[in-house]
C-alpha atoms as a PDB file:
ATOM      1  CA  MET A   1      80.848 119.768  94.692  1.00  0.00           C
ATOM      2  CA  ASN A   2      81.464 121.157  98.176  1.00  0.00           C
ATOM      3  CA  ASP A   3      84.225 122.828 100.189  1.00  0.00           C
ATOM      4  CA  VAL A   4      85.817 119.523 101.254  1.00  0.00           C
ATOM      5  CA  ILE A   5      86.110 118.290  97.676  1.00  0.00           C
ATOM      6  CA  LYS A   6      87.365 121.702  96.525  1.00  0.00           C
ATOM      7  CA  THR A   7      90.116 121.532  99.164  1.00  0.00           C
ATOM      8  CA  ILE A   8      91.080 118.006  98.075  1.00  0.00           C
ATOM      9  CA  LEU A   9      91.152 118.860  94.372  1.00  0.00           C
ATOM     10  CA  ASN A  10      93.157 122.030  95.026  1.00  0.00           C
ATOM     11  CA  HIS A  11      96.043 120.116  96.648  1.00  0.00           C
ATOM     12  CA  ARG A  12      99.588 120.944  95.638  1.00  0.00           C
ATOM     13  CA  SER A  13     102.888 120.428  97.434  1.00  0.00           C
ATOM     14  CA  ILE A  14     104.233 123.547  99.145  1.00  0.00           C
ATOM     15  CA  ARG A  15     108.008 123.714  99.525  1.00  0.00           C
ATOM     16  CA  LYS A  16     108.458 127.278 100.734  1.00  0.00           C
ATOM     17  CA  PHE A  17     106.898 128.593 103.928  1.00  0.00           C
ATOM     18  CA  GLU A  18     106.667 131.862 105.797  1.00  0.00           C
ATOM     19  CA  ASP A  19     108.813 132.161 108.921  1.00  0.00           C
ATOM     20  CA  LYS A  20     105.849 131.594 111.214  1.00  0.00           C
ATOM     21  CA  THR A  21     105.259 128.654 113.546  1.00  0.00           C
ATOM     22  CA  LEU A  22     101.964 126.847 113.958  1.00  0.00           C
ATOM     23  CA  SER A  23     100.089 127.411 117.190  1.00  0.00           C
ATOM     24  CA  ASP A  24      99.607 124.578 119.668  1.00  0.00           C
ATOM     25  CA  GLU A  25      95.898 124.671 118.816  1.00  0.00           C
ATOM     26  CA  GLN A  26      96.611 124.191 115.104  1.00  0.00           C
ATOM     27  CA  ILE A  27      98.966 121.304 115.833  1.00  0.00           C
ATOM     28  CA  LYS A  28      96.396 119.642 118.081  1.00  0.00           C
ATOM     29  CA  LEU A  29      93.627 120.002 115.492  1.00  0.00           C
ATOM     30  CA  ILE A  30      95.838 118.487 112.790  1.00  0.00           C
ATOM     31  CA  VAL A  31      96.729 115.525 115.008  1.00  0.00           C
ATOM     32  CA  GLN A  32      93.122 115.043 116.093  1.00  0.00           C
ATOM     33  CA  SER A  33      92.083 115.062 112.441  1.00  0.00           C
ATOM     34  CA  ALA A  34      94.720 112.432 111.730  1.00  0.00           C
ATOM     35  CA  GLN A  35      93.357 110.304 114.560  1.00  0.00           C
ATOM     36  CA  ALA A  36      89.848 110.524 113.095  1.00  0.00           C
ATOM     37  CA  ALA A  37      90.973 108.484 110.066  1.00  0.00           C
ATOM     38  CA  SER A  38      89.850 104.902 109.675  1.00  0.00           C
ATOM     39  CA  THR A  39      92.071 102.292 111.306  1.00  0.00           C
ATOM     40  CA  SER A  40      92.125  98.555 110.691  1.00  0.00           C
ATOM     41  CA  SER A  41      90.282  96.638 113.450  1.00  0.00           C
ATOM     42  CA  TYR A  42      90.699  99.671 115.752  1.00  0.00           C
ATOM     43  CA  ILE A  43      94.416  98.802 116.068  1.00  0.00           C
ATOM     44  CA  GLN A  44      95.611 102.426 115.608  1.00  0.00           C
ATOM     45  CA  ALA A  45      99.056 101.176 114.657  1.00  0.00           C
ATOM     46  CA  TYR A  46     100.832 104.497 114.175  1.00  0.00           C
ATOM     47  CA  SER A  47     102.335 107.409 116.069  1.00  0.00           C
ATOM     48  CA  ILE A  48     103.163 110.980 115.113  1.00  0.00           C
ATOM     49  CA  ILE A  49     106.314 112.750 116.265  1.00  0.00           C
ATOM     50  CA  GLY A  50     106.154 116.532 116.096  1.00  0.00           C
ATOM     51  CA  VAL A  51     109.554 118.151 115.731  1.00  0.00           C
ATOM     52  CA  LYS A  52     109.911 121.698 117.039  1.00  0.00           C
ATOM     53  CA  ASP A  53     113.605 121.698 117.943  1.00  0.00           C
ATOM     54  CA  ARG A  54     115.374 123.707 115.239  1.00  0.00           C
ATOM     55  CA  GLU A  55     118.583 121.692 115.412  1.00  0.00           C
ATOM     56  CA  LYS A  56     116.703 118.420 115.031  1.00  0.00           C
ATOM     57  CA  LYS A  57     114.806 119.826 112.073  1.00  0.00           C
ATOM     58  CA  ARG A  58     118.076 120.948 110.519  1.00  0.00           C
ATOM     59  CA  LYS A  59     119.524 117.468 110.996  1.00  0.00           C
ATOM     60  CA  LEU A  60     116.421 115.833 109.525  1.00  0.00           C
ATOM     61  CA  ALA A  61     116.681 118.154 106.524  1.00  0.00           C
ATOM     62  CA  GLU A  62     120.256 117.016 106.027  1.00  0.00           C
ATOM     63  CA  LEU A  63     119.324 113.324 106.361  1.00  0.00           C
ATOM     64  CA  ALA A  64     116.456 113.796 103.893  1.00  0.00           C
ATOM     65  CA  GLY A  65     118.877 114.948 101.204  1.00  0.00           C
ATOM     66  CA  GLY A  66     119.301 118.635 101.941  1.00  0.00           C
ATOM     67  CA  GLN A  67     115.645 119.628 101.638  1.00  0.00           C
ATOM     68  CA  ASN A  68     115.550 123.066 103.274  1.00  0.00           C
ATOM     69  CA  TYR A  69     111.796 123.048 103.807  1.00  0.00           C
ATOM     70  CA  VAL A  70     112.235 120.181 106.298  1.00  0.00           C
ATOM     71  CA  ALA A  71     113.994 122.697 108.533  1.00  0.00           C
ATOM     72  CA  GLU A  72     112.109 125.838 107.535  1.00  0.00           C
ATOM     73  CA  ASN A  73     108.372 125.419 108.088  1.00  0.00           C
ATOM     74  CA  GLY A  74     105.626 126.043 110.603  1.00  0.00           C
ATOM     75  CA  HIS A  75     105.841 122.538 112.068  1.00  0.00           C
ATOM     76  CA  PHE A  76     107.298 119.185 111.087  1.00  0.00           C
ATOM     77  CA  PHE A  77     105.442 115.905 111.632  1.00  0.00           C
ATOM     78  CA  VAL A  78     106.969 112.435 111.342  1.00  0.00           C
ATOM     79  CA  PHE A  79     104.496 109.600 110.824  1.00  0.00           C
ATOM     80  CA  CYS A  80     105.567 106.206 112.140  1.00  0.00           C
ATOM     81  CA  ALA A  81     104.258 102.681 111.852  1.00  0.00           C
ATOM     82  CA  ASP A  82     103.889 101.729 115.514  1.00  0.00           C
ATOM     83  CA  LEU A  83     103.256  98.327 117.088  1.00  0.00           C
ATOM     84  CA  HIS A  84     105.308  99.146 120.185  1.00  0.00           C
ATOM     85  CA  ARG A  85     102.260  99.767 122.344  1.00  0.00           C
ATOM     86  CA  HIS A  86     100.846  96.447 121.189  1.00  0.00           C
ATOM     87  CA  GLN A  87     104.026  94.689 122.285  1.00  0.00           C
ATOM     88  CA  LEU A  88     103.602  96.309 125.704  1.00  0.00           C
ATOM     89  CA  ILE A  89      99.989  95.121 125.826  1.00  0.00           C
ATOM     90  CA  ALA A  90     101.058  91.561 124.996  1.00  0.00           C
ATOM     91  CA  ASP A  91     103.653  91.709 127.771  1.00  0.00           C
ATOM     92  CA  GLN A  92     101.037  93.034 130.174  1.00  0.00           C
ATOM     93  CA  TYR A  93      98.779  90.069 129.401  1.00  0.00           C
ATOM     94  CA  ASN A  94     101.677  87.571 129.455  1.00  0.00           C
ATOM     95  CA  GLN A  95     101.233  86.731 125.790  1.00  0.00           C
ATOM     96  CA  ASP A  96     103.851  85.875 123.176  1.00  0.00           C
ATOM     97  CA  ALA A  97     102.649  88.017 120.265  1.00  0.00           C
ATOM     98  CA  SER A  98     105.868  87.920 118.246  1.00  0.00           C
ATOM     99  CA  GLU A  99     104.389  85.808 115.426  1.00  0.00           C
ATOM    100  CA  ILE A 100     101.561  88.297 114.966  1.00  0.00           C
ATOM    101  CA  LEU A 101     103.517  91.519 115.472  1.00  0.00           C
ATOM    102  CA  GLU A 102     106.261  90.377 113.094  1.00  0.00           C
ATOM    103  CA  SER A 103     103.831  89.328 110.346  1.00  0.00           C
ATOM    104  CA  THR A 104     103.674  90.996 106.954  1.00  0.00           C
ATOM    105  CA  GLU A 105      99.949  91.559 107.542  1.00  0.00           C
ATOM    106  CA  LYS A 106     100.488  93.654 110.669  1.00  0.00           C
ATOM    107  CA  PHE A 107     103.280  95.556 108.928  1.00  0.00           C
ATOM    108  CA  MET A 108     100.843  96.428 106.135  1.00  0.00           C
ATOM    109  CA  VAL A 109      98.197  97.413 108.697  1.00  0.00           C
ATOM    110  CA  ALA A 110     100.619  99.787 110.415  1.00  0.00           C
ATOM    111  CA  VAL A 111     101.780 101.385 107.153  1.00  0.00           C
ATOM    112  CA  ILE A 112      98.215 101.778 105.861  1.00  0.00           C
ATOM    113  CA  ASP A 113      96.979 103.181 109.180  1.00  0.00           C
ATOM    114  CA  ALA A 114      99.766 105.758 109.173  1.00  0.00           C
ATOM    115  CA  ALA A 115      99.109 106.738 105.556  1.00  0.00           C
ATOM    116  CA  LEU A 116      95.379 107.207 106.145  1.00  0.00           C
ATOM    117  CA  ALA A 117      96.067 109.321 109.230  1.00  0.00           C
ATOM    118  CA  ALA A 118      98.608 111.414 107.341  1.00  0.00           C
ATOM    119  CA  GLN A 119      96.244 112.235 104.513  1.00  0.00           C
ATOM    120  CA  ASN A 120      93.647 113.368 107.029  1.00  0.00           C
ATOM    121  CA  ALA A 121      96.311 115.572 108.629  1.00  0.00           C
ATOM    122  CA  VAL A 122      97.219 117.199 105.310  1.00  0.00           C
ATOM    123  CA  LEU A 123      93.585 117.772 104.406  1.00  0.00           C
ATOM    124  CA  ALA A 124      92.976 119.362 107.808  1.00  0.00           C
ATOM    125  CA  ALA A 125      96.009 121.622 107.388  1.00  0.00           C
ATOM    126  CA  GLU A 126      94.950 122.690 103.906  1.00  0.00           C
ATOM    127  CA  SER A 127      91.419 123.411 105.142  1.00  0.00           C
ATOM    128  CA  MET A 128      93.050 125.922 107.530  1.00  0.00           C
ATOM    129  CA  GLU A 129      94.742 127.578 104.515  1.00  0.00           C
ATOM    130  CA  LEU A 130      98.086 126.053 105.428  1.00  0.00           C
ATOM    131  CA  GLY A 131     100.344 124.248 102.982  1.00  0.00           C
ATOM    132  CA  ALA A 132     102.069 120.893 103.263  1.00  0.00           C
ATOM    133  CA  VAL A 133     104.521 118.573 101.561  1.00  0.00           C
ATOM    134  CA  TYR A 134     105.291 114.909 102.196  1.00  0.00           C
ATOM    135  CA  ILE A 135     108.930 114.046 102.882  1.00  0.00           C
ATOM    136  CA  GLY A 136     109.819 110.505 101.802  1.00  0.00           C
ATOM    137  CA  GLY A 137     113.489 111.468 101.908  1.00  0.00           C
ATOM    138  CA  LEU A 138     113.576 110.518 105.593  1.00  0.00           C
ATOM    139  CA  ARG A 139     113.927 106.937 104.352  1.00  0.00           C
ATOM    140  CA  ASN A 140     117.279 107.784 102.771  1.00  0.00           C
ATOM    141  CA  GLN A 141     118.983 107.226 106.126  1.00  0.00           C
ATOM    142  CA  LEU A 142     116.387 105.666 108.402  1.00  0.00           C
ATOM    143  CA  SER A 143     118.836 104.341 110.951  1.00  0.00           C
ATOM    144  CA  GLU A 144     120.043 107.875 111.654  1.00  0.00           C
ATOM    145  CA  VAL A 145     116.471 109.237 111.657  1.00  0.00           C
ATOM    146  CA  ALA A 146     115.339 106.539 114.099  1.00  0.00           C
ATOM    147  CA  SER A 147     118.309 107.269 116.332  1.00  0.00           C
ATOM    148  CA  LEU A 148     117.669 111.022 116.274  1.00  0.00           C
ATOM    149  CA  LEU A 149     113.993 110.544 117.155  1.00  0.00           C
ATOM    150  CA  LYS A 150     114.752 107.738 119.635  1.00  0.00           C
ATOM    151  CA  THR A 151     112.169 105.337 118.210  1.00  0.00           C
ATOM    152  CA  PRO A 152     112.100 101.963 120.052  1.00  0.00           C
ATOM    153  CA  SER A 153     111.540  98.519 118.553  1.00  0.00           C
ATOM    154  CA  HIS A 154     108.318  98.134 116.575  1.00  0.00           C
ATOM    155  CA  VAL A 155     108.316 101.852 115.724  1.00  0.00           C
ATOM    156  CA  LEU A 156     109.340 102.690 112.160  1.00  0.00           C
ATOM    157  CA  PRO A 157     109.525 106.277 110.816  1.00  0.00           C
ATOM    158  CA  LEU A 158     107.856 106.211 107.398  1.00  0.00           C
ATOM    159  CA  PHE A 159     107.760 109.798 106.126  1.00  0.00           C
ATOM    160  CA  GLY A 160     107.534 113.369 107.263  1.00  0.00           C
ATOM    161  CA  ILE A 161     105.098 116.165 106.534  1.00  0.00           C
ATOM    162  CA  ALA A 162     106.253 119.779 106.553  1.00  0.00           C
ATOM    163  CA  VAL A 163     103.348 122.123 107.291  1.00  0.00           C
ATOM    164  CA  GLY A 164     103.222 125.898 107.363  1.00  0.00           C
ATOM    165  CA  TYR A 165     101.959 129.141 105.900  1.00  0.00           C
ATOM    166  CA  PRO A 166     102.586 129.008 102.128  1.00  0.00           C
ATOM    167  CA  ALA A 167     105.127 131.422 100.700  1.00  0.00           C
ATOM    168  CA  GLN A 168     104.529 130.226  97.144  1.00  0.00           C
ATOM    169  CA  GLU A 169     101.638 129.219  94.892  1.00  0.00           C
ATOM    170  CA  PRO A 170     102.967 126.552  92.530  1.00  0.00           C
ATOM    171  CA  ASP A 171     101.055 125.241  89.547  1.00  0.00           C
ATOM    172  CA  GLN A 172      99.219 121.997  90.080  1.00  0.00           C
ATOM    173  CA  LYS A 173     100.646 118.856  88.485  1.00  0.00           C
ATOM    174  CA  GLN A 174      98.054 116.963  86.515  1.00  0.00           C
ATOM    175  CA  ARG A 175      97.467 113.372  87.621  1.00  0.00           C
ATOM    176  CA  LEU A 176      97.138 110.297  85.432  1.00  0.00           C
ATOM    177  CA  PRO A 177      93.989 110.112  83.299  1.00  0.00           C
ATOM    178  CA  PHE A 178      90.856 108.962  85.134  1.00  0.00           C
ATOM    179  CA  GLU A 179      90.479 106.031  82.710  1.00  0.00           C
ATOM    180  CA  HIS A 180      94.041 104.938  83.416  1.00  0.00           C
ATOM    181  CA  VAL A 181      93.484 104.702  87.161  1.00  0.00           C
ATOM    182  CA  TYR A 182      89.860 103.630  87.528  1.00  0.00           C
ATOM    183  CA  HIS A 183      88.828 100.101  86.484  1.00  0.00           C
ATOM    184  CA  GLU A 184      85.324  98.663  86.718  1.00  0.00           C
ATOM    185  CA  ASP A 185      84.615  95.045  87.678  1.00  0.00           C
ATOM    186  CA  GLU A 186      88.083  93.872  86.697  1.00  0.00           C
ATOM    187  CA  TYR A 187      91.540  95.175  85.837  1.00  0.00           C
ATOM    188  CA  GLN A 188      91.468  96.336  82.231  1.00  0.00           C
ATOM    189  CA  GLN A 189      94.433  95.024  80.240  1.00  0.00           C
ATOM    190  CA  ASP A 190      94.146  96.576  76.808  1.00  0.00           C
ATOM    191  CA  GLN A 191      97.821  97.469  76.374  1.00  0.00           C
ATOM    192  CA  THR A 192      97.202  99.532  73.239  1.00  0.00           C
ATOM    193  CA  SER A 193      94.748 101.754  75.093  1.00  0.00           C
ATOM    194  CA  TYR A 194      97.088 101.925  78.087  1.00  0.00           C
ATOM    195  CA  LEU A 195     100.037 103.090  76.007  1.00  0.00           C
ATOM    196  CA  SER A 196      97.864 105.597  74.160  1.00  0.00           C
ATOM    197  CA  GLN A 197      96.719 107.092  77.466  1.00  0.00           C
ATOM    198  CA  LEU A 198     100.313 107.321  78.675  1.00  0.00           C
ATOM    199  CA  LYS A 199     101.389 109.039  75.457  1.00  0.00           C
ATOM    200  CA  GLU A 200      98.662 111.655  75.864  1.00  0.00           C
ATOM    201  CA  TYR A 201      99.592 112.130  79.515  1.00  0.00           C
ATOM    202  CA  ASP A 202     103.262 112.574  78.587  1.00  0.00           C
ATOM    203  CA  GLN A 203     102.301 115.393  76.240  1.00  0.00           C
ATOM    204  CA  GLN A 204     100.376 117.148  79.015  1.00  0.00           C
ATOM    205  CA  ILE A 205     103.205 116.777  81.542  1.00  0.00           C
ATOM    206  CA  SER A 206     105.813 117.909  79.022  1.00  0.00           C
ATOM    207  CA  ALA A 207     103.748 121.032  78.313  1.00  0.00           C
ATOM    208  CA  TYR A 208     103.447 121.659  82.058  1.00  0.00           C
ATOM    209  CA  TYR A 209     107.229 121.537  82.573  1.00  0.00           C
ATOM    210  CA  GLU A 210     107.902 123.616  79.464  1.00  0.00           C
ATOM    211  CA  GLN A 211     105.552 126.348  80.627  1.00  0.00           C
ATOM    212  CA  ARG A 212     106.843 126.292  84.218  1.00  0.00           C
ATOM    213  CA  THR A 213     110.517 126.540  83.151  1.00  0.00           C
ATOM    214  CA  ASN A 214     110.103 128.826  80.135  1.00  0.00           C
ATOM    215  CA  GLY A 215     111.108 126.033  77.796  1.00  0.00           C
ATOM    216  CA  GLU A 216     114.157 124.830  79.735  1.00  0.00           C
ATOM    217  CA  ARG A 217     112.575 121.488  80.661  1.00  0.00           C
ATOM    218  CA  LYS A 218     110.458 119.243  78.439  1.00  0.00           C
ATOM    219  CA  ASP A 219     110.329 116.121  80.577  1.00  0.00           C
ATOM    220  CA  THR A 220     107.707 113.384  80.390  1.00  0.00           C
ATOM    221  CA  TRP A 221     106.173 111.263  83.137  1.00  0.00           C
ATOM    222  CA  THR A 222     107.171 107.957  81.558  1.00  0.00           C
ATOM    223  CA  GLY A 223     110.703 109.299  81.117  1.00  0.00           C
ATOM    224  CA  GLN A 224     110.860 110.137  84.823  1.00  0.00           C
ATOM    225  CA  MET A 225     109.567 106.679  85.750  1.00  0.00           C
ATOM    226  CA  ALA A 226     112.049 104.962  83.425  1.00  0.00           C
ATOM    227  CA  ARG A 227     114.929 106.795  85.101  1.00  0.00           C
ATOM    228  CA  LEU A 228     113.557 105.921  88.531  1.00  0.00           C
ATOM    229  CA  LEU A 229     113.327 102.240  87.594  1.00  0.00           C
ATOM    230  CA  SER A 230     116.883 102.205  86.255  1.00  0.00           C
ATOM    231  CA  ARG A 231     118.602 102.904  89.584  1.00  0.00           C
ATOM    232  CA  PRO A 232     118.020 100.949  92.803  1.00  0.00           C
ATOM    233  CA  THR A 233     117.389 103.112  95.860  1.00  0.00           C
ATOM    234  CA  ARG A 234     117.116 102.415  99.594  1.00  0.00           C
ATOM    235  CA  MET A 235     117.870  98.734  99.082  1.00  0.00           C
ATOM    236  CA  TYR A 236     118.754  98.450 102.775  1.00  0.00           C
ATOM    237  CA  MET A 237     115.075  98.861 103.658  1.00  0.00           C
ATOM    238  CA  LYS A 238     114.089  95.202 104.056  1.00  0.00           C
ATOM    239  CA  GLU A 239     116.910  94.558 106.515  1.00  0.00           C
ATOM    240  CA  PHE A 240     116.180  97.710 108.508  1.00  0.00           C
ATOM    241  CA  VAL A 241     112.442  97.059 108.654  1.00  0.00           C
ATOM    242  CA  GLU A 242     113.068  93.563 109.989  1.00  0.00           C
ATOM    243  CA  LYS A 243     115.587  94.922 112.489  1.00  0.00           C
ATOM    244  CA  LYS A 244     112.831  97.158 113.844  1.00  0.00           C
ATOM    245  CA  GLY A 245     110.623  94.102 114.398  1.00  0.00           C
ATOM    246  CA  PHE A 246     108.371  94.339 111.329  1.00  0.00           C
ATOM    247  CA  ASN A 247     107.648  92.073 108.354  1.00  0.00           C
ATOM    248  CA  LYS A 248     109.736  89.112 109.543  1.00  0.00           C
ATOM    249  CA  ARG A 249     107.161  86.368 108.932  1.00  0.00           C
END
């Protein structure tokens, strides 16, 4: 056990921040920490857009489904899959790189690179006693988000991260059981054990919600997932991703 692991294990999403902006030094350290993350083949296929403009943040909050903490935070970061610079490099060297840049593999590289960088950014922020929350709601209306942020071809906004000084201390949601997530040597497929683990986890999550809401909510994790799987969402994504020059081959 050490301070890094303690910071990781103490993570919780913060959705209410003090009215205090991050300093330029804090922003730079967070971005530099993001850049220190591993990147496939040194491609560095991502970019980060910091949003300070209050009106833009308000608009992003609206596009993300009315999440106030997108507008009210210390700083808002948007992480993008980015192969635009690589297209420019190909042009510079008179190469036709469309087959490579439009491949599913390079799309996965860009998404993974961005995700690794983002987690480093959150860990850095939390190590500075700041709070953070990921904002996947930006994908509700990506065309409008891309237009607002003026992202060119081969640049795809993936998610946002609101960072700031915490104005709340929420309880921590328990994750899936270790045995349910970690497999050794091969994927374990004992369905009876799997369902038993999920049942036990449901009881823990239900108790968490009941305690947090004084008995008003007794939800389960599998119940939440069943509802999620019953209604299609963001089904425009494949078309939009391809329109941006990704995942076409």
